C-alpha cells in the first residue's frame, strides 16, 4: 500500500478547534514536522480537511 508524507506548513494558531484536533490526530505538532502515514480513505479525508495547512507527498 502507498504511503503519504505529510508536512505541517502553517501554524494552527487561530484555527478552529476541530482543525487543530485533526492536525494533532495526524501526528503533527510543530511547523515543518513531518509524518509518514498509510494512504487510506480516513487519512485522505483528514488531509483534505486541513489541506490549507499541510503539504502532502506520495512515497
Protein backbone atom coordinates (compact mmCIF):
# COMPACT_ATOMS: atom_id res chain seq x y z
CA UNK A 1 0.00 0.00 0.00
CA UNK A 2 1.19 3.54 -0.72
CA UNK A 3 2.46 5.89 1.93
CA UNK A 4 1.97 9.63 2.35
CA UNK A 5 4.50 12.06 3.79
CA UNK A 6 2.52 14.86 5.46
CA UNK A 7 4.27 18.08 6.50
CA UNK A 8 2.74 20.90 8.55
CA UNK A 9 3.46 24.17 6.71
CA UNK A 10 1.29 26.69 8.57
CA UNK A 11 0.56 27.32 12.23
CA UNK A 12 -2.60 26.09 13.91
CA UNK A 13 -2.88 29.32 15.91
CA UNK A 14 -6.20 30.98 15.17
CA UNK A 15 -7.70 27.88 13.55
CA UNK A 16 -10.94 26.27 14.64
CA UNK A 17 -10.53 23.66 17.39
CA UNK A 18 -11.67 20.88 15.05
CA UNK A 19 -8.88 21.72 12.57
CA UNK A 20 -6.29 21.80 15.37
CA UNK A 21 -7.52 18.39 16.56
CA UNK A 22 -7.27 16.99 13.04
CA UNK A 23 -3.67 18.17 12.70
CA UNK A 24 -2.84 16.62 16.09
CA UNK A 25 -4.51 13.33 15.18
CA UNK A 26 -2.36 13.15 12.05
CA UNK A 27 0.66 13.22 14.40
CA UNK A 28 1.85 16.74 13.60
CA UNK A 29 2.93 19.08 16.39
CA UNK A 30 5.27 21.81 15.15
CA UNK A 31 5.62 23.70 11.87
CA UNK A 32 7.83 21.75 9.44
CA UNK A 33 7.25 18.49 11.31
CA UNK A 34 6.56 15.51 9.06
CA UNK A 35 4.93 12.12 9.48
CA UNK A 36 4.55 9.13 7.20
CA UNK A 37 1.06 7.62 7.16
CA UNK A 38 -0.63 4.85 5.18
CA UNK A 39 -2.70 6.08 2.24
CA UNK A 40 -6.19 5.23 3.49
CA UNK A 41 -9.51 6.98 2.89
CA UNK A 42 -9.58 8.14 6.53
CA UNK A 43 -6.15 9.78 6.27
CA UNK A 44 -7.07 11.32 2.90
CA UNK A 45 -10.19 12.82 4.49
CA UNK A 46 -8.21 14.32 7.36
CA UNK A 47 -5.67 15.76 4.93
CA UNK A 48 -8.45 17.26 2.81
CA UNK A 49 -9.91 18.97 5.89
CA UNK A 50 -6.63 20.73 6.65
CA UNK A 51 -5.25 20.99 3.10
CA UNK A 52 -4.55 24.71 3.56
CA UNK A 53 -2.07 23.93 6.38
CA UNK A 54 -0.25 20.81 5.13
CA UNK A 55 1.83 19.62 2.21
CA UNK A 56 1.41 16.02 1.04
CA UNK A 57 3.84 13.88 -0.95
CA UNK A 58 3.34 10.31 -2.08
CA UNK A 59 6.17 7.95 -1.21
